């Protein structure tokens, strides 16, 4: 029993690349929304242990949800830098 042989042809690959004619460079600096989001998440994470001082002991899922919610609200408030 022999399997039929089939010719394998590779698909042709296009060598055409598009280039940006304006010469603009990519700006990798984070926007204001990204920066404030990182700051909000970090501050929330650092301040949440203070809840234990007030005898409030949230579950880890609640802490994650609170961090996400605070980060979203602060990022929503900050205007987009253009």
N, C-alpha and C. Protein backbone atom coordinates (compact mmCIF):
# COMPACT_ATOMS: atom_id res chain seq x y z
N UNK A 1 0.83 -1.17 0.00
CA UNK A 1 0.00 0.00 0.00
C UNK A 1 0.87 1.24 0.00
N UNK A 2 0.78 1.95 -1.01
CA UNK A 2 1.57 3.17 -1.09
C UNK A 2 0.62 4.37 -1.23
N UNK A 3 1.01 5.43 -0.57
CA UNK A 3 0.21 6.65 -0.64
C UNK A 3 0.51 7.38 -1.92
N UNK A 4 -0.49 7.98 -2.52
CA UNK A 4 -0.23 8.73 -3.75
C UNK A 4 0.65 9.94 -3.44
N UNK A 5 1.55 10.19 -4.33
CA UNK A 5 2.43 11.34 -4.14
C UNK A 5 1.80 12.57 -4.77
N UNK A 6 1.88 13.66 -4.03
CA UNK A 6 1.33 14.91 -4.54
C UNK A 6 2.45 15.94 -4.56
N UNK A 7 2.41 16.77 -5.55
CA UNK A 7 3.41 17.83 -5.64
C UNK A 7 3.03 18.94 -4.67
N UNK A 8 3.99 19.35 -3.88
CA UNK A 8 3.75 20.42 -2.92
C UNK A 8 4.30 21.71 -3.50
N UNK A 9 3.43 22.67 -3.62
CA UNK A 9 3.88 23.98 -4.11
C UNK A 9 3.64 25.00 -3.01
N UNK A 10 4.66 25.78 -2.75
CA UNK A 10 4.52 26.82 -1.75
C UNK A 10 3.81 28.01 -2.35
N UNK A 11 2.98 28.66 -1.56
CA UNK A 11 2.33 29.86 -2.08
C UNK A 11 3.36 30.95 -2.31
N UNK A 12 3.12 31.71 -3.34
CA UNK A 12 4.08 32.78 -3.64
C UNK A 12 3.96 33.87 -2.59
N UNK A 13 5.09 34.40 -2.17
CA UNK A 13 5.10 35.43 -1.16
C UNK A 13 5.40 36.76 -1.83
N UNK A 14 4.63 37.73 -1.50
CA UNK A 14 4.82 39.05 -2.07
C UNK A 14 6.01 39.73 -1.41
N UNK A 15 6.85 40.31 -2.19
CA UNK A 15 8.01 41.01 -1.65
C UNK A 15 7.78 42.51 -1.59
N UNK A 16 6.56 42.91 -1.86
CA UNK A 16 6.25 44.33 -1.84
C UNK A 16 6.02 44.77 -0.39
N UNK A 17 6.69 45.81 0.01
CA UNK A 17 6.49 46.36 1.35
C UNK A 17 6.07 47.80 1.22
N UNK A 18 5.21 48.20 2.10
CA UNK A 18 4.78 49.59 2.06
C UNK A 18 5.66 50.41 2.99
N UNK A 19 6.05 51.55 2.53
CA UNK A 19 6.88 52.43 3.36
C UNK A 19 6.14 53.73 3.55
N UNK A 20 6.39 54.34 4.67
CA UNK A 20 5.77 55.62 4.97
C UNK A 20 6.59 56.72 4.30
N UNK A 21 5.98 57.41 3.39
CA UNK A 21 6.69 58.42 2.62
C UNK A 21 6.90 59.72 3.40
N UNK A 22 6.15 59.90 4.49
CA UNK A 22 6.27 61.15 5.23
C UNK A 22 7.49 61.18 6.12
N UNK A 23 8.07 60.03 6.41
CA UNK A 23 9.26 59.98 7.24
C UNK A 23 8.96 60.13 8.72
N UNK A 24 7.72 59.98 9.13
CA UNK A 24 7.39 60.12 10.54
C UNK A 24 7.87 58.90 11.32
N UNK A 25 8.23 59.13 12.55
CA UNK A 25 8.70 58.05 13.40
C UNK A 25 7.63 57.70 14.41
N UNK A 26 7.66 56.47 14.87
CA UNK A 26 6.70 56.02 15.86
C UNK A 26 7.07 56.59 17.22
N UNK A 27 6.09 57.15 17.89
CA UNK A 27 6.29 57.70 19.22
C UNK A 27 5.89 56.64 20.24
N UNK A 28 6.85 56.13 21.00
CA UNK A 28 6.59 55.07 21.95
C UNK A 28 6.29 55.60 23.35
N UNK A 29 6.21 56.92 23.52
CA UNK A 29 5.90 57.49 24.82
C UNK A 29 4.44 57.17 25.17
N UNK A 30 4.18 56.77 26.41
CA UNK A 30 2.80 56.46 26.77
C UNK A 30 1.94 57.73 26.79
N UNK A 31 0.68 57.55 26.46
CA UNK A 31 -0.24 58.68 26.50
C UNK A 31 -0.57 59.00 27.95
N UNK A 32 -1.24 60.11 28.15
CA UNK A 32 -1.61 60.52 29.51
C UNK A 32 -2.55 59.49 30.14
N UNK A 33 -3.45 58.92 29.34
CA UNK A 33 -4.38 57.93 29.87
C UNK A 33 -3.65 56.68 30.36
N UNK A 34 -2.66 56.24 29.63
CA UNK A 34 -1.89 55.05 30.03
C UNK A 34 -1.10 55.36 31.29
N UNK A 35 -0.46 56.51 31.33
CA UNK A 35 0.34 56.87 32.50
C UNK A 35 -0.49 56.98 33.76
N UNK A 36 -1.64 57.64 33.68
CA UNK A 36 -2.48 57.80 34.86
C UNK A 36 -3.11 56.46 35.24
N UNK A 37 -3.35 55.59 34.29
CA UNK A 37 -3.88 54.26 34.60
C UNK A 37 -2.90 53.43 35.39
N UNK A 38 -1.64 53.47 34.99
CA UNK A 38 -0.61 52.74 35.73
C UNK A 38 -0.46 53.31 37.13
N UNK A 39 -0.48 54.63 37.23
CA UNK A 39 -0.37 55.28 38.52
C UNK A 39 -1.56 54.93 39.42
N UNK A 40 -2.76 54.96 38.88
CA UNK A 40 -3.96 54.64 39.67
C UNK A 40 -3.94 53.20 40.16
N UNK A 41 -3.57 52.28 39.30
CA UNK A 41 -3.51 50.87 39.70
C UNK A 41 -2.45 50.66 40.78
N UNK A 42 -1.31 51.30 40.62
CA UNK A 42 -0.24 51.14 41.60
C UNK A 42 -0.63 51.74 42.95
N UNK A 43 -1.20 52.93 42.94
CA UNK A 43 -1.60 53.55 44.19
C UNK A 43 -2.71 52.77 44.88
N UNK A 44 -3.68 52.29 44.11
CA UNK A 44 -4.75 51.49 44.69
C UNK A 44 -4.20 50.22 45.33
N UNK A 45 -3.28 49.57 44.64
CA UNK A 45 -2.68 48.35 45.16
C UNK A 45 -1.89 48.63 46.44
N UNK A 46 -1.21 49.76 46.48
CA UNK A 46 -0.43 50.09 47.67
C UNK A 46 -1.30 50.56 48.83
N UNK A 47 -2.42 51.20 48.55
CA UNK A 47 -3.27 51.73 49.61
C UNK A 47 -4.29 50.73 50.16
N UNK A 48 -4.59 49.68 49.42
CA UNK A 48 -5.58 48.72 49.88
C UNK A 48 -5.21 48.01 51.18
N UNK A 49 -3.94 47.77 51.49
CA UNK A 49 -3.63 47.18 52.80
C UNK A 49 -4.05 48.06 53.98
N UNK A 50 -4.26 49.35 53.72
CA UNK A 50 -4.72 50.22 54.79
C UNK A 50 -6.14 49.88 55.24
N UNK A 51 -6.88 49.16 54.39
CA UNK A 51 -8.22 48.73 54.78
C UNK A 51 -8.18 47.79 55.97
N UNK A 52 -7.12 47.03 56.09
CA UNK A 52 -7.02 46.12 57.24
C UNK A 52 -6.91 46.89 58.55
N UNK A 53 -6.38 48.10 58.49
CA UNK A 53 -6.31 48.95 59.69
C UNK A 53 -7.72 49.36 60.14
N UNK A 54 -8.65 49.44 59.18
CA UNK A 54 -10.03 49.79 59.48
C UNK A 54 -10.89 48.54 59.69
N UNK A 55 -10.25 47.40 59.90
CA UNK A 55 -10.92 46.10 60.10
C UNK A 55 -11.82 45.72 58.93
N UNK A 56 -11.37 46.06 57.72
CA UNK A 56 -12.06 45.65 56.49
C UNK A 56 -11.12 44.70 55.77
N UNK A 57 -11.60 43.49 55.55
CA UNK A 57 -10.76 42.46 54.94
C UNK A 57 -11.44 41.93 53.67
N UNK A 58 -11.26 42.63 52.54
CA UNK A 58 -11.91 42.18 51.30
C UNK A 58 -11.22 40.93 50.73
N UNK A 59 -12.00 40.18 49.98
CA UNK A 59 -11.47 39.00 49.28
C UNK A 59 -10.56 39.46 48.15
N UNK A 60 -9.62 38.62 47.73
CA UNK A 60 -8.73 39.02 46.62
C UNK A 60 -9.48 39.41 45.34
N UNK A 61 -10.56 38.74 45.04
CA UNK A 61 -11.33 39.10 43.84
C UNK A 61 -11.95 40.48 43.99
N UNK A 62 -12.38 40.83 45.18
CA UNK A 62 -12.95 42.16 45.41
C UNK A 62 -11.87 43.24 45.30
N UNK A 63 -10.68 42.93 45.77
CA UNK A 63 -9.56 43.88 45.66
C UNK A 63 -9.22 44.10 44.19
N UNK A 64 -9.18 43.03 43.42
CA UNK A 64 -8.88 43.16 41.99
C UNK A 64 -9.96 43.96 41.27
N UNK A 65 -11.22 43.70 41.61
CA UNK A 65 -12.32 44.44 40.99
C UNK A 65 -12.26 45.92 41.37
N UNK A 66 -11.95 46.22 42.61
CA UNK A 66 -11.86 47.61 43.05
C UNK A 66 -10.72 48.33 42.34
N UNK A 67 -9.58 47.66 42.21
CA UNK A 67 -8.44 48.25 41.49
C UNK A 67 -8.80 48.52 40.03
N UNK A 68 -9.46 47.57 39.40
CA UNK A 68 -9.87 47.73 38.01
C UNK A 68 -10.87 48.88 37.86
N UNK A 69 -11.83 48.96 38.76
CA UNK A 69 -12.84 50.01 38.70
C UNK A 69 -12.23 51.40 38.90
N UNK A 70 -11.38 51.54 39.89
CA UNK A 70 -10.74 52.84 40.14
C UNK A 70 -9.86 53.24 38.97
N UNK A 71 -9.12 52.29 38.42
CA UNK A 71 -8.26 52.57 37.27
C UNK A 71 -9.10 53.02 36.08
N UNK A 72 -10.21 52.34 35.82
CA UNK A 72 -11.07 52.71 34.70
C UNK A 72 -11.62 54.12 34.87
N UNK A 73 -12.13 54.43 36.06
CA UNK A 73 -12.73 55.74 36.30
C UNK A 73 -11.70 56.85 36.10
N UNK A 74 -10.51 56.66 36.64
CA UNK A 74 -9.48 57.70 36.50
C UNK A 74 -9.04 57.84 35.05
N UNK A 75 -8.89 56.73 34.35
CA UNK A 75 -8.51 56.82 32.93
C UNK A 75 -9.62 57.45 32.10
N UNK A 76 -10.86 57.25 32.48
CA UNK A 76 -11.99 57.82 31.74
C UNK A 76 -12.03 59.33 31.92
N UNK A 77 -11.67 59.80 33.11
CA UNK A 77 -11.72 61.23 33.41
C UNK A 77 -10.61 62.00 32.70
N UNK A 78 -9.44 61.42 32.59
CA UNK A 78 -8.29 62.11 32.00
C UNK A 78 -8.50 62.26 30.49
N UNK A 79 -8.34 63.49 29.96
CA UNK A 79 -8.54 63.70 28.52
C UNK A 79 -7.40 63.07 27.70
N UNK A 80 -7.73 62.73 26.48
CA UNK A 80 -6.73 62.17 25.56
C UNK A 80 -5.80 63.28 25.10
N UNK A 81 -4.50 63.02 25.18
CA UNK A 81 -3.50 64.00 24.73
C UNK A 81 -3.33 63.86 23.23
N UNK A 82 -3.40 64.95 22.51
CA UNK A 82 -3.28 64.89 21.05
C UNK A 82 -2.14 65.72 20.57
